[in-house]
Amino acid sequence: MDLRVLNYFLTVAHERTISKAAAVLHLSQPTLSKQLKDLETELGVQLFTRGNREITLTTDGLYLQKRGR
């Protein structure tokens, strides 16, 4: 896992939406979404529950957030 991608994950977890996190990180939303999907694939777990308006962390996502800080 790249530290840059960990930072992306932590920013999304904090902002609770990919679009807000993308703005904070100065990335496009599709680029950030792909990075997060690749991270989930690399780790073999689902980190987020994606809703209509907001993202919530799964148990694995909460664990990564705690350890990533």
Protein backbone atom coordinates (compact mmCIF):
# COMPACT_ATOMS: atom_id res chain seq x y z
CA MET A 1 0.00 0.00 0.00
CA ASP A 2 1.28 3.41 -0.97
CA LEU A 3 1.21 6.13 1.70
CA ARG A 4 -0.36 8.48 -0.83
CA VAL A 5 -3.33 6.12 -1.19
CA LEU A 6 -3.57 5.77 2.59
CA ASN A 7 -3.82 9.56 2.77
CA TYR A 8 -6.59 9.46 0.15
CA PHE A 9 -8.47 6.88 2.23
CA LEU A 10 -8.13 8.90 5.44
CA THR A 11 -9.34 12.05 3.68
CA VAL A 12 -12.41 10.27 2.30
CA ALA A 13 -13.11 8.81 5.74
CA HIS A 14 -12.93 12.29 7.24
CA GLU A 15 -14.94 14.11 4.55
CA ARG A 16 -17.51 11.29 4.22
CA THR A 17 -17.98 11.91 0.48
CA ILE A 18 -15.67 11.19 -2.42
CA SER A 19 -16.46 14.48 -4.16
CA LYS A 20 -15.53 16.60 -1.12
CA ALA A 21 -12.39 14.55 -0.54
CA ALA A 22 -11.42 14.90 -4.21
CA ALA A 23 -11.73 18.68 -3.92
CA VAL A 24 -9.59 18.73 -0.78
CA LEU A 25 -6.97 16.51 -2.42
CA HIS A 26 -7.09 18.42 -5.75
CA LEU A 27 -7.97 15.24 -7.66
CA SER A 28 -10.80 14.35 -9.98
CA GLN A 29 -13.58 12.27 -8.47
CA PRO A 30 -13.11 9.35 -10.92
CA THR A 31 -9.38 9.20 -10.15
CA LEU A 32 -10.01 9.09 -6.41
CA SER A 33 -12.75 6.46 -6.80
CA LYS A 34 -10.40 4.25 -8.82
CA GLN A 35 -7.61 4.59 -6.26
CA LEU A 36 -10.00 3.57 -3.47
CA LYS A 37 -11.35 0.63 -5.46
CA ASP A 38 -7.79 -0.51 -6.19
CA LEU A 39 -6.98 -0.26 -2.46
CA GLU A 40 -9.99 -2.41 -1.60
CA THR A 41 -8.91 -4.96 -4.22
CA GLU A 42 -5.33 -4.96 -2.92
CA LEU A 43 -6.47 -5.51 0.68
CA GLY A 44 -9.24 -7.93 -0.28
CA VAL A 45 -11.85 -6.18 1.87
CA GLN A 46 -14.62 -3.63 1.43
CA LEU A 47 -13.66 -0.43 3.26
CA PHE A 48 -16.75 1.67 2.56
CA THR A 49 -20.49 1.30 2.35
CA ARG A 50 -21.43 3.65 -0.43
CA GLY A 51 -24.78 5.38 0.02
CA ASN A 52 -26.64 7.90 -2.11
CA ARG A 53 -25.14 10.94 -0.44
CA GLU A 54 -22.56 9.72 2.03
CA ILE A 55 -19.96 7.04 2.59
CA THR A 56 -19.70 5.11 5.83
CA LEU A 57 -16.81 2.94 6.89
CA THR A 58 -17.20 -0.79 7.30
CA THR A 59 -15.61 -2.57 10.25
CA ASP A 60 -12.49 -3.14 8.14
CA GLY A 61 -12.53 0.51 7.12
CA LEU A 62 -12.73 1.64 10.75
CA TYR A 63 -9.79 -0.62 11.59
CA LEU A 64 -7.69 0.80 8.74
CA GLN A 65 -8.62 4.35 9.73
CA LYS A 66 -7.51 3.75 13.31
CA ARG A 67 -4.26 2.07 12.29
CA GLY A 68 -3.60 4.54 9.45
CA ARG A 69 -3.54 7.53 11.74
